[in-house]
Amino acid sequence: MNKGLLIIISGPSGVGKGTVIKEFIDDPELNLSFSVSMTTREMREGEVDGVNYDYVTKEEFKQAIENGELLEWAEFVGNYYGTPLKNVEKKRSEGKNVLLEIETDGCRQVQKKCPDAITIFIVPPSIEELEKRIRGRKSEPEEIVQQRLDKARKEMDLLKYYKYVVCNDEVDIAADIIRVIIRKHMERQRNAEQ
């Protein structure tokens, strides 16, 4: 059985990563398994523990760091986010293509451990549009909105570390582009193993 691909999707907060991913995550041809990240942040309305994130305490998260149980991790606005290593390795060994939705710092950590990772950065059509999307959530105070916008500007400088950059101007088009990228890598992997 072929080892599954490792696909990383990053992009600034509010760019619509989750919305784009929903468009193709269930495509049977892509054989995807979404890696659920671990976080210490509060659950937002409509989110489900174990589906959107595994919600844990800061103590539990710090223990996972100490035990080397995370493929990557980062701290942002007082909360921790990370990817449990065991789950990713298990799914890839089963032949599943594992999709990680992670921050740019996390991507750099994963690239060091898994240089074969396929890296995709989703960008907004403009910073103004990104600000409109973040404010449209109405889920965070102004201070956090500003922190997210500042971080987004810094993240846009890291595009050079990603193999692919996809603009999320229209969700269905962005999703189709990512589908093509994944299919091409699956095809290359099949051809290389023949």
N, C-alpha and C. Protein backbone atom coordinates (compact mmCIF):
# COMPACT_ATOMS: atom_id res chain seq x y z
N MET A 1 0.84 -1.18 0.00
CA MET A 1 0.00 0.00 0.00
C MET A 1 0.89 1.26 0.00
N ASN A 2 0.49 2.24 -0.81
CA ASN A 2 1.24 3.49 -0.88
C ASN A 2 1.03 4.31 0.39
N LYS A 3 2.10 4.97 0.84
CA LYS A 3 1.96 5.88 1.97
C LYS A 3 1.19 7.11 1.49
N GLY A 4 0.29 7.59 2.31
CA GLY A 4 -0.51 8.75 1.94
C GLY A 4 0.32 10.02 1.87
N LEU A 5 -0.20 10.99 1.11
CA LEU A 5 0.42 12.30 1.01
C LEU A 5 0.17 13.09 2.29
N LEU A 6 1.01 14.07 2.53
CA LEU A 6 0.79 15.01 3.62
C LEU A 6 0.60 16.37 2.98
N ILE A 7 -0.58 16.95 3.15
CA ILE A 7 -0.95 18.20 2.50
C ILE A 7 -1.18 19.25 3.57
N ILE A 8 -0.48 20.37 3.45
CA ILE A 8 -0.60 21.46 4.42
C ILE A 8 -1.30 22.64 3.76
N ILE A 9 -2.34 23.13 4.41
CA ILE A 9 -3.01 24.35 3.95
C ILE A 9 -2.87 25.38 5.05
N SER A 10 -2.33 26.53 4.67
CA SER A 10 -2.18 27.66 5.59
C SER A 10 -2.79 28.89 4.95
N GLY A 11 -2.86 29.92 5.73
CA GLY A 11 -3.36 31.20 5.25
C GLY A 11 -3.76 32.03 6.44
N PRO A 12 -3.87 33.33 6.24
CA PRO A 12 -4.22 34.18 7.37
C PRO A 12 -5.61 33.90 7.93
N SER A 13 -5.79 34.22 9.18
CA SER A 13 -7.08 34.10 9.84
C SER A 13 -8.11 34.89 9.04
N GLY A 14 -9.25 34.27 8.76
CA GLY A 14 -10.32 34.96 8.05
C GLY A 14 -10.29 34.80 6.54
N VAL A 15 -9.26 34.12 6.01
CA VAL A 15 -9.14 33.97 4.56
C VAL A 15 -10.15 32.96 4.01
N GLY A 16 -10.71 32.12 4.88
CA GLY A 16 -11.71 31.15 4.43
C GLY A 16 -11.14 29.75 4.19
N LYS A 17 -10.08 29.41 4.91
CA LYS A 17 -9.46 28.09 4.74
C LYS A 17 -10.49 26.97 4.96
N GLY A 18 -11.21 27.07 6.07
CA GLY A 18 -12.19 26.04 6.41
C GLY A 18 -13.29 25.93 5.37
N THR A 19 -13.74 27.06 4.86
CA THR A 19 -14.81 27.08 3.85
C THR A 19 -14.33 26.43 2.56
N VAL A 20 -13.10 26.73 2.15
CA VAL A 20 -12.55 26.13 0.93
C VAL A 20 -12.37 24.63 1.13
N ILE A 21 -11.83 24.23 2.26
CA ILE A 21 -11.60 22.81 2.54
C ILE A 21 -12.91 22.02 2.51
N LYS A 22 -13.99 22.60 3.03
CA LYS A 22 -15.30 21.91 3.03
C LYS A 22 -15.75 21.55 1.62
N GLU A 23 -15.30 22.31 0.63
CA GLU A 23 -15.70 22.08 -0.76
C GLU A 23 -15.11 20.79 -1.34
N PHE A 24 -13.95 20.33 -0.81
CA PHE A 24 -13.32 19.16 -1.42
C PHE A 24 -12.97 18.05 -0.44
N ILE A 25 -13.11 18.26 0.84
CA ILE A 25 -12.66 17.28 1.83
C ILE A 25 -13.34 15.91 1.66
N ASP A 26 -14.58 15.90 1.19
CA ASP A 26 -15.31 14.64 1.05
C ASP A 26 -15.23 14.05 -0.35
N ASP A 27 -14.40 14.61 -1.22
CA ASP A 27 -14.23 14.10 -2.58
C ASP A 27 -13.56 12.72 -2.49
N PRO A 28 -14.30 11.64 -2.84
CA PRO A 28 -13.74 10.29 -2.66
C PRO A 28 -12.46 10.03 -3.47
N GLU A 29 -12.31 10.71 -4.60
CA GLU A 29 -11.12 10.52 -5.44
C GLU A 29 -9.85 10.98 -4.73
N LEU A 30 -9.99 11.93 -3.82
CA LEU A 30 -8.81 12.50 -3.16
C LEU A 30 -8.35 11.69 -1.95
N ASN A 31 -9.22 10.79 -1.45
CA ASN A 31 -8.86 9.91 -0.33
C ASN A 31 -8.27 10.70 0.85
N LEU A 32 -8.98 11.77 1.23
CA LEU A 32 -8.46 12.67 2.27
C LEU A 32 -8.94 12.31 3.66
N SER A 33 -8.08 12.58 4.59
CA SER A 33 -8.41 12.49 6.01
C SER A 33 -7.97 13.80 6.64
N PHE A 34 -8.90 14.52 7.23
CA PHE A 34 -8.59 15.81 7.84
C PHE A 34 -7.99 15.56 9.21
N SER A 35 -6.83 16.12 9.43
CA SER A 35 -6.18 15.98 10.73
C SER A 35 -6.78 17.03 11.67
N VAL A 36 -7.37 16.56 12.72
CA VAL A 36 -7.97 17.47 13.70
C VAL A 36 -6.88 17.96 14.64
N SER A 37 -6.70 19.28 14.66
CA SER A 37 -5.68 19.88 15.52
C SER A 37 -6.16 19.95 16.96
N MET A 38 -5.21 20.11 17.84
CA MET A 38 -5.48 20.26 19.26
C MET A 38 -5.36 21.75 19.59
N THR A 39 -6.24 22.27 20.44
CA THR A 39 -6.14 23.68 20.82
C THR A 39 -6.60 23.90 22.25
N THR A 40 -6.11 25.01 22.80
CA THR A 40 -6.54 25.41 24.14
C THR A 40 -7.54 26.56 24.07
N ARG A 41 -7.87 27.04 22.86
CA ARG A 41 -8.80 28.16 22.76
C ARG A 41 -10.22 27.71 23.03
N GLU A 42 -11.06 28.67 23.37
CA GLU A 42 -12.47 28.38 23.64
C GLU A 42 -13.17 27.95 22.35
N MET A 43 -14.14 27.07 22.49
CA MET A 43 -14.93 26.62 21.36
C MET A 43 -15.85 27.76 20.89
N ARG A 44 -15.89 27.99 19.58
CA ARG A 44 -16.81 29.00 19.02
C ARG A 44 -18.17 28.37 18.80
N GLU A 45 -19.17 29.21 18.70
CA GLU A 45 -20.54 28.73 18.45
C GLU A 45 -20.56 27.91 17.17
N GLY A 46 -21.18 26.74 17.24
CA GLY A 46 -21.30 25.87 16.08
C GLY A 46 -20.17 24.87 15.93
N GLU A 47 -19.07 25.05 16.69
CA GLU A 47 -17.96 24.11 16.60
C GLU A 47 -18.24 22.88 17.47
N VAL A 48 -17.61 21.77 17.09
CA VAL A 48 -17.81 20.50 17.79
C VAL A 48 -16.45 19.94 18.20
N ASP A 49 -16.33 19.56 19.48
CA ASP A 49 -15.09 18.97 19.98
C ASP A 49 -14.83 17.66 19.23
N GLY A 50 -13.59 17.50 18.75
CA GLY A 50 -13.23 16.30 18.02
C GLY A 50 -13.49 16.41 16.52
N VAL A 51 -14.20 17.46 16.11
CA VAL A 51 -14.47 17.68 14.68
C VAL A 51 -13.69 18.90 14.20
N ASN A 52 -13.94 20.05 14.82
CA ASN A 52 -13.21 21.27 14.46
C ASN A 52 -11.82 21.26 15.08
N TYR A 53 -11.75 20.91 16.34
CA TYR A 53 -10.51 20.80 17.10
C TYR A 53 -10.73 19.79 18.21
N ASP A 54 -9.62 19.32 18.77
CA ASP A 54 -9.68 18.62 20.05
C ASP A 54 -9.36 19.70 21.07
N TYR A 55 -10.33 20.06 21.88
CA TYR A 55 -10.17 21.14 22.86
C TYR A 55 -9.58 20.56 24.14
N VAL A 56 -8.43 21.10 24.55
CA VAL A 56 -7.74 20.60 25.74
C VAL A 56 -7.34 21.78 26.64
N THR A 57 -6.92 21.45 27.84
CA THR A 57 -6.44 22.49 28.76
C THR A 57 -4.99 22.83 28.40
N LYS A 58 -4.51 23.96 28.91
CA LYS A 58 -3.11 24.35 28.67
C LYS A 58 -2.17 23.32 29.28
N GLU A 59 -2.54 22.76 30.42
CA GLU A 59 -1.70 21.76 31.07
C GLU A 59 -1.57 20.52 30.18
N GLU A 60 -2.69 20.06 29.61
CA GLU A 60 -2.66 18.88 28.74
C GLU A 60 -1.81 19.16 27.49
N PHE A 61 -1.93 20.37 26.96
CA PHE A 61 -1.18 20.72 25.75
C PHE A 61 0.32 20.75 26.05
N LYS A 62 0.69 21.38 27.17
CA LYS A 62 2.11 21.46 27.54
C LYS A 62 2.70 20.07 27.77
N GLN A 63 1.91 19.16 28.30
CA GLN A 63 2.35 17.78 28.51
C GLN A 63 2.62 17.11 27.17
N ALA A 64 1.76 17.35 26.18
CA ALA A 64 1.94 16.78 24.84
C ALA A 64 3.23 17.31 24.21
N ILE A 65 3.55 18.60 24.44
CA ILE A 65 4.80 19.17 23.93
C ILE A 65 5.99 18.46 24.57
N GLU A 66 5.95 18.36 25.89
CA GLU A 66 7.05 17.71 26.63
C GLU A 66 7.28 16.28 26.20
N ASN A 67 6.19 15.58 25.88
CA ASN A 67 6.28 14.17 25.51
C ASN A 67 6.63 13.96 24.03
N GLY A 68 6.80 15.05 23.27
CA GLY A 68 7.13 14.94 21.85
C GLY A 68 6.00 14.35 21.02
N GLU A 69 4.76 14.60 21.44
CA GLU A 69 3.60 14.00 20.79
C GLU A 69 3.02 14.87 19.66
N LEU A 70 3.66 16.01 19.37
CA LEU A 70 3.11 16.92 18.36
C LEU A 70 4.02 17.05 17.15
N LEU A 71 3.44 16.98 15.98
CA LEU A 71 4.17 17.18 14.73
C LEU A 71 4.59 18.64 14.61
N GLU A 72 3.72 19.52 15.09
CA GLU A 72 3.98 20.96 15.10
C GLU A 72 3.08 21.58 16.14
N TRP A 73 3.47 22.79 16.58
CA TRP A 73 2.61 23.52 17.50
C TRP A 73 3.00 24.99 17.49
N ALA A 74 2.05 25.82 17.92
CA ALA A 74 2.29 27.27 17.97
C ALA A 74 1.40 27.87 19.05
N GLU A 75 1.79 29.06 19.49
CA GLU A 75 0.98 29.82 20.43
C GLU A 75 0.55 31.10 19.73
N PHE A 76 -0.72 31.43 19.84
CA PHE A 76 -1.23 32.66 19.23
C PHE A 76 -2.32 33.25 20.11
N VAL A 77 -2.24 34.53 20.34
CA VAL A 77 -3.17 35.29 21.21
C VAL A 77 -3.54 34.52 22.48
N GLY A 78 -2.51 33.96 23.12
CA GLY A 78 -2.70 33.32 24.42
C GLY A 78 -3.18 31.89 24.37
N ASN A 79 -3.35 31.33 23.18
CA ASN A 79 -3.80 29.94 23.06
C ASN A 79 -2.79 29.12 22.27
N TYR A 80 -2.79 27.81 22.54
CA TYR A 80 -1.92 26.88 21.84
C TYR A 80 -2.72 26.12 20.78
N TYR A 81 -2.03 25.81 19.66
CA TYR A 81 -2.59 25.02 18.58
C TYR A 81 -1.52 24.02 18.16
N GLY A 82 -1.91 22.77 17.87
CA GLY A 82 -0.91 21.80 17.47
C GLY A 82 -1.51 20.58 16.78
N THR A 83 -0.63 19.79 16.15
CA THR A 83 -1.05 18.60 15.41
C THR A 83 -0.49 17.35 16.07
N PRO A 84 -1.37 16.47 16.58
CA PRO A 84 -0.90 15.21 17.17
C PRO A 84 -0.21 14.33 16.12
N LEU A 85 1.03 13.97 16.37
CA LEU A 85 1.86 13.21 15.45
C LEU A 85 1.32 11.80 15.19
N LYS A 86 0.89 11.13 16.25
CA LYS A 86 0.44 9.74 16.14
C LYS A 86 -0.70 9.57 15.14
N ASN A 87 -1.67 10.50 15.17
CA ASN A 87 -2.82 10.41 14.27
C ASN A 87 -2.40 10.55 12.81
N VAL A 88 -1.49 11.49 12.54
CA VAL A 88 -1.03 11.73 11.17
C VAL A 88 -0.29 10.51 10.64
N GLU A 89 0.63 9.97 11.42
CA GLU A 89 1.41 8.81 10.99
C GLU A 89 0.52 7.60 10.73
N LYS A 90 -0.45 7.39 11.60
CA LYS A 90 -1.36 6.23 11.44
C LYS A 90 -2.14 6.34 10.13
N LYS A 91 -2.72 7.51 9.88
CA LYS A 91 -3.54 7.68 8.67
C LYS A 91 -2.70 7.56 7.40
N ARG A 92 -1.50 8.14 7.40
CA ARG A 92 -0.64 8.05 6.21
C ARG A 92 -0.21 6.60 5.96
N SER A 93 0.08 5.86 7.03
CA SER A 93 0.48 4.47 6.85
C SER A 93 -0.67 3.62 6.32
N GLU A 94 -1.90 4.07 6.55
CA GLU A 94 -3.09 3.38 6.02
C GLU A 94 -3.38 3.79 4.58
N GLY A 95 -2.54 4.68 4.01
CA GLY A 95 -2.73 5.11 2.63
C GLY A 95 -3.60 6.34 2.45
N LYS A 96 -4.04 6.92 3.55
CA LYS A 96 -4.88 8.13 3.46
C LYS A 96 -3.99 9.35 3.20
N ASN A 97 -4.52 10.29 2.43
CA ASN A 97 -3.87 11.58 2.21
C ASN A 97 -4.31 12.49 3.35
N VAL A 98 -3.37 12.89 4.18
CA VAL A 98 -3.70 13.65 5.39
C VAL A 98 -3.61 15.15 5.11
N LEU A 99 -4.67 15.85 5.46
CA LEU A 99 -4.75 17.29 5.27
C LEU A 99 -4.60 18.00 6.60
N LEU A 100 -3.62 18.91 6.67
CA LEU A 100 -3.41 19.72 7.87
C LEU A 100 -3.78 21.16 7.54
N GLU A 101 -4.59 21.77 8.36
CA GLU A 101 -4.86 23.21 8.26
C GLU A 101 -4.12 23.84 9.43
N ILE A 102 -2.95 24.41 9.13
CA ILE A 102 -2.09 24.91 10.20
C ILE A 102 -1.50 26.28 9.88
N GLU A 103 -0.95 26.90 10.92
CA GLU A 103 -0.31 28.22 10.81
C GLU A 103 1.03 28.10 10.07
N THR A 104 1.54 29.25 9.64
CA THR A 104 2.82 29.28 8.92
C THR A 104 3.97 28.74 9.77
N ASP A 105 4.00 29.07 11.05
CA ASP A 105 5.05 28.55 11.93
C ASP A 105 5.01 27.02 11.97
N GLY A 106 3.81 26.49 12.07
CA GLY A 106 3.64 25.04 12.10
C GLY A 106 4.09 24.40 10.80
N CYS A 107 3.79 25.06 9.70
CA CYS A 107 4.19 24.54 8.40
C CYS A 107 5.71 24.41 8.33
N ARG A 108 6.42 25.40 8.79
CA ARG A 108 7.89 25.36 8.76
C ARG A 108 8.40 24.20 9.62
N GLN A 109 7.75 23.96 10.77
CA GLN A 109 8.15 22.83 11.64
C GLN A 109 7.93 21.50 10.91
N VAL A 110 6.78 21.37 10.24
CA VAL A 110 6.46 20.12 9.54
C VAL A 110 7.41 19.91 8.37
N GLN A 111 7.72 20.98 7.63
CA GLN A 111 8.62 20.86 6.47
C GLN A 111 9.98 20.28 6.88
N LYS A 112 10.45 20.62 8.08
CA LYS A 112 11.72 20.09 8.56
C LYS A 112 11.62 18.58 8.82
N LYS A 113 10.47 18.15 9.34
CA LYS A 113 10.29 16.73 9.67
C LYS A 113 9.79 15.92 8.48
N CYS A 114 9.04 16.56 7.59
CA CYS A 114 8.44 15.89 6.44
C CYS A 114 8.65 16.72 5.18
N PRO A 115 9.85 16.67 4.59
CA PRO A 115 10.13 17.51 3.43
C PRO A 115 9.27 17.18 2.21
N ASP A 116 8.59 16.03 2.22
CA ASP A 116 7.72 15.66 1.11
C ASP A 116 6.33 16.29 1.20
N ALA A 117 6.07 17.07 2.25
CA ALA A 117 4.75 17.68 2.42
C ALA A 117 4.43 18.63 1.26
N ILE A 118 3.18 18.61 0.84
CA ILE A 118 2.69 19.51 -0.21
C ILE A 118 2.14 20.73 0.50
N THR A 119 2.71 21.90 0.23
CA THR A 119 2.34 23.10 0.97
C THR A 119 1.56 24.08 0.09
N ILE A 120 0.39 24.48 0.61
CA ILE A 120 -0.51 25.38 -0.12
C ILE A 120 -0.88 26.54 0.80
N PHE A 121 -0.68 27.76 0.31
CA PHE A 121 -1.03 28.96 1.08
C PHE A 121 -2.22 29.63 0.41
N ILE A 122 -3.28 29.84 1.16
CA ILE A 122 -4.47 30.52 0.61
C ILE A 122 -4.38 32.00 0.96
N VAL A 123 -4.50 32.84 -0.05
CA VAL A 123 -4.44 34.29 0.14
C VAL A 123 -5.81 34.91 -0.13
N PRO A 124 -6.08 36.05 0.50
CA PRO A 124 -7.31 36.77 0.21
C PRO A 124 -7.12 37.61 -1.06
N PRO A 125 -8.21 38.07 -1.68
CA PRO A 125 -8.06 38.94 -2.84
C PRO A 125 -7.36 40.25 -2.47
N SER A 126 -7.52 40.68 -1.21
CA SER A 126 -6.86 41.90 -0.72
C SER A 126 -6.90 41.90 0.81
N ILE A 127 -6.05 42.71 1.42
CA ILE A 127 -6.05 42.84 2.88
C ILE A 127 -7.38 43.47 3.33
N GLU A 128 -7.92 44.36 2.54
CA GLU A 128 -9.20 45.00 2.88
C GLU A 128 -10.32 43.97 2.95
N GLU A 129 -10.32 43.04 2.00
CA GLU A 129 -11.33 41.99 1.99
C GLU A 129 -11.14 41.06 3.20
N LEU A 130 -9.89 40.79 3.53
CA LEU A 130 -9.61 39.96 4.69
C LEU A 130 -10.15 40.61 5.96
N GLU A 131 -9.91 41.91 6.12
CA GLU A 131 -10.40 42.63 7.30
C GLU A 131 -11.92 42.56 7.36
N LYS A 132 -12.57 42.70 6.23
CA LYS A 132 -14.05 42.62 6.17
C LYS A 132 -14.53 41.24 6.64
N ARG A 133 -13.84 40.19 6.21
CA ARG A 133 -14.22 38.83 6.61
C ARG A 133 -14.03 38.61 8.10
N ILE A 134 -12.90 39.08 8.64
CA ILE A 134 -12.62 38.90 10.07
C ILE A 134 -13.66 39.65 10.90
N ARG A 135 -13.93 40.87 10.51
CA ARG A 135 -14.93 41.67 11.25
C ARG A 135 -16.33 41.08 11.11
N GLY A 136 -16.59 40.45 9.99
CA GLY A 136 -17.90 39.85 9.75
C GLY A 136 -18.22 38.70 10.69
N ARG A 137 -17.20 38.09 11.26
CA ARG A 137 -17.42 37.01 12.23
C ARG A 137 -18.10 37.52 13.49
N LYS A 138 -17.75 38.74 13.87
CA LYS A 138 -18.27 39.37 15.10
C LYS A 138 -18.08 38.48 16.32
N SER A 139 -16.92 37.79 16.36
CA SER A 139 -16.69 36.84 17.45
C SER A 139 -15.56 37.27 18.38
N GLU A 140 -14.87 38.39 18.04
CA GLU A 140 -13.71 38.75 18.83
C GLU A 140 -13.66 40.26 19.06
N PRO A 141 -13.05 40.67 20.18
CA PRO A 141 -12.91 42.11 20.45
C PRO A 141 -11.92 42.76 19.48
N GLU A 142 -11.97 44.08 19.38
CA GLU A 142 -11.14 44.84 18.45
C GLU A 142 -9.65 44.53 18.61
N GLU A 143 -9.20 44.37 19.82
CA GLU A 143 -7.78 44.08 20.07
C GLU A 143 -7.34 42.80 19.35
N ILE A 144 -8.18 41.76 19.41
CA ILE A 144 -7.86 40.48 18.76
C ILE A 144 -7.96 40.64 17.24
N VAL A 145 -8.93 41.39 16.76
CA VAL A 145 -9.06 41.64 15.32
C VAL A 145 -7.77 42.27 14.81
N GLN A 146 -7.27 43.28 15.53
CA GLN A 146 -6.03 43.95 15.12
C GLN A 146 -4.84 43.00 15.15
N GLN A 147 -4.78 42.13 16.17
CA GLN A 147 -3.69 41.15 16.25
C GLN A 147 -3.75 40.20 15.05
N ARG A 148 -4.96 39.78 14.69
CA ARG A 148 -5.11 38.87 13.54
C ARG A 148 -4.69 39.55 12.24
N LEU A 149 -5.04 40.83 12.08
CA LEU A 149 -4.66 41.57 10.87
C LEU A 149 -3.15 41.78 10.80
N ASP A 150 -2.54 42.12 11.94
CA ASP A 150 -1.08 42.29 11.98
C ASP A 150 -0.38 40.98 11.61
N LYS A 151 -0.88 39.89 12.18
CA LYS A 151 -0.29 38.57 11.90
C LYS A 151 -0.47 38.22 10.42
N ALA A 152 -1.62 38.54 9.85
CA ALA A 152 -1.88 38.24 8.44
C ALA A 152 -0.87 38.94 7.54
N ARG A 153 -0.59 40.19 7.85
CA ARG A 153 0.39 40.94 7.04
C ARG A 153 1.78 40.28 7.10
N LYS A 154 2.15 39.82 8.28
CA LYS A 154 3.45 39.15 8.43
C LYS A 154 3.46 37.81 7.70
N GLU A 155 2.33 37.08 7.78
CA GLU A 155 2.25 35.77 7.12
C GLU A 155 2.36 35.89 5.60
N MET A 156 1.85 36.97 5.05
CA MET A 156 1.89 37.15 3.59
C MET A 156 3.35 37.23 3.11
N ASP A 157 4.26 37.60 3.99
CA ASP A 157 5.68 37.65 3.64
C ASP A 157 6.31 36.25 3.57
N LEU A 158 5.57 35.22 4.01
CA LEU A 158 6.12 33.86 4.07
C LEU A 158 5.68 32.99 2.90
N LEU A 159 5.06 33.59 1.90
CA LEU A 159 4.58 32.84 0.74
C LEU A 159 5.70 32.04 0.07
N LYS A 160 6.91 32.57 0.12
CA LYS A 160 8.05 31.93 -0.56
C LYS A 160 8.34 30.52 -0.02
N TYR A 161 7.85 30.20 1.17
CA TYR A 161 8.09 28.89 1.75
C TYR A 161 7.05 27.84 1.31
N TYR A 162 6.08 28.27 0.52
CA TYR A 162 5.00 27.38 0.08
C TYR A 162 5.17 27.05 -1.39
N LYS A 163 4.87 25.82 -1.73
CA LYS A 163 4.97 25.38 -3.13
C LYS A 163 3.87 26.01 -3.98
N TYR A 164 2.67 26.15 -3.40
CA TYR A 164 1.53 26.68 -4.16
C TYR A 164 0.87 27.82 -3.38
N VAL A 165 0.38 28.82 -4.13
CA VAL A 165 -0.38 29.92 -3.55
C VAL A 165 -1.70 29.99 -4.32
N VAL A 166 -2.81 29.95 -3.58
CA VAL A 166 -4.15 29.95 -4.18
C VAL A 166 -4.94 31.12 -3.61
N CYS A 167 -5.53 31.93 -4.49
CA CYS A 167 -6.34 33.07 -4.05
C CYS A 167 -7.78 32.62 -3.82
N ASN A 168 -8.30 32.93 -2.65
CA ASN A 168 -9.70 32.61 -2.34
C ASN A 168 -10.57 33.85 -2.60
N ASP A 169 -10.76 34.13 -3.89
CA ASP A 169 -11.69 35.18 -4.29
C ASP A 169 -13.07 34.56 -4.42
N GLU A 170 -13.11 33.37 -5.04
CA GLU A 170 -14.34 32.59 -5.16
C GLU A 170 -14.04 31.20 -4.63
N VAL A 171 -14.81 30.79 -3.64
CA VAL A 171 -14.55 29.54 -2.91
C VAL A 171 -14.48 28.33 -3.83
N ASP A 172 -15.44 28.19 -4.73
CA ASP A 172 -15.47 26.99 -5.58
C ASP A 172 -14.26 26.92 -6.50
N ILE A 173 -13.79 28.05 -6.99
CA ILE A 173 -12.62 28.06 -7.86
C ILE A 173 -11.36 27.72 -7.06
N ALA A 174 -11.22 28.31 -5.87
CA ALA A 174 -10.06 28.00 -5.02
C ALA A 174 -10.04 26.51 -4.70
N ALA A 175 -11.20 25.94 -4.38
CA ALA A 175 -11.29 24.51 -4.05
C ALA A 175 -10.91 23.65 -5.26
N ASP A 176 -11.37 24.04 -6.44
CA ASP A 176 -11.05 23.27 -7.65
C ASP A 176 -9.55 23.28 -7.94
N ILE A 177 -8.91 24.42 -7.72
CA ILE A 177 -7.46 24.51 -7.94
C ILE A 177 -6.73 23.57 -6.99
N ILE A 178 -7.15 23.54 -5.73
CA ILE A 178 -6.50 22.65 -4.76
C ILE A 178 -6.76 21.18 -5.11
N ARG A 179 -7.95 20.86 -5.60
CA ARG A 179 -8.24 19.49 -6.06
C ARG A 179 -7.24 19.06 -7.14
N VAL A 180 -7.01 19.96 -8.11
CA VAL A 180 -6.08 19.65 -9.20
C VAL A 180 -4.67 19.40 -8.65
N ILE A 181 -4.23 20.24 -7.72
CA ILE A 181 -2.90 20.09 -7.12
C ILE A 181 -2.78 18.71 -6.46
N ILE A 182 -3.77 18.34 -5.66
CA ILE A 182 -3.72 17.04 -4.97
C ILE A 182 -3.73 15.89 -5.96
N ARG A 183 -4.61 15.96 -6.97
CA ARG A 183 -4.69 14.88 -7.96
C ARG A 183 -3.36 14.71 -8.69
N LYS A 184 -2.72 15.81 -9.05
CA LYS A 184 -1.43 15.74 -9.76
C LYS A 184 -0.37 15.06 -8.89
N HIS A 185 -0.36 15.37 -7.61
CA HIS A 185 0.62 14.73 -6.72
C HIS A 185 0.31 13.25 -6.53
N MET A 186 -0.96 12.90 -6.48
CA MET A 186 -1.34 11.49 -6.36
C MET A 186 -0.88 10.73 -7.61
N GLU A 187 -1.07 11.35 -8.76
CA GLU A 187 -0.66 10.75 -10.04
C GLU A 187 0.85 10.56 -10.09
N ARG A 188 1.59 11.59 -9.67
CA ARG A 188 3.06 11.50 -9.64
C ARG A 188 3.52 10.37 -8.73
N GLN A 189 2.86 10.26 -7.56
CA GLN A 189 3.24 9.21 -6.61
C GLN A 189 2.99 7.83 -7.21
N ARG A 190 1.82 7.66 -7.87
CA ARG A 190 1.51 6.37 -8.50
C ARG A 190 2.55 6.03 -9.58
N ASN A 191 2.88 7.02 -10.41
CA ASN A 191 3.85 6.81 -11.49
C ASN A 191 5.24 6.48 -10.95
N ALA A 192 5.64 7.13 -9.86
CA ALA A 192 6.96 6.89 -9.27
C ALA A 192 7.08 5.50 -8.68
N GLU A 193 5.96 4.94 -8.25
CA GLU A 193 5.99 3.63 -7.59
C GLU A 193 5.76 2.48 -8.55
N GLN A 194 5.57 2.78 -9.85
CA GLN A 194 5.36 1.73 -10.85
C GLN A 194 6.66 1.25 -11.42
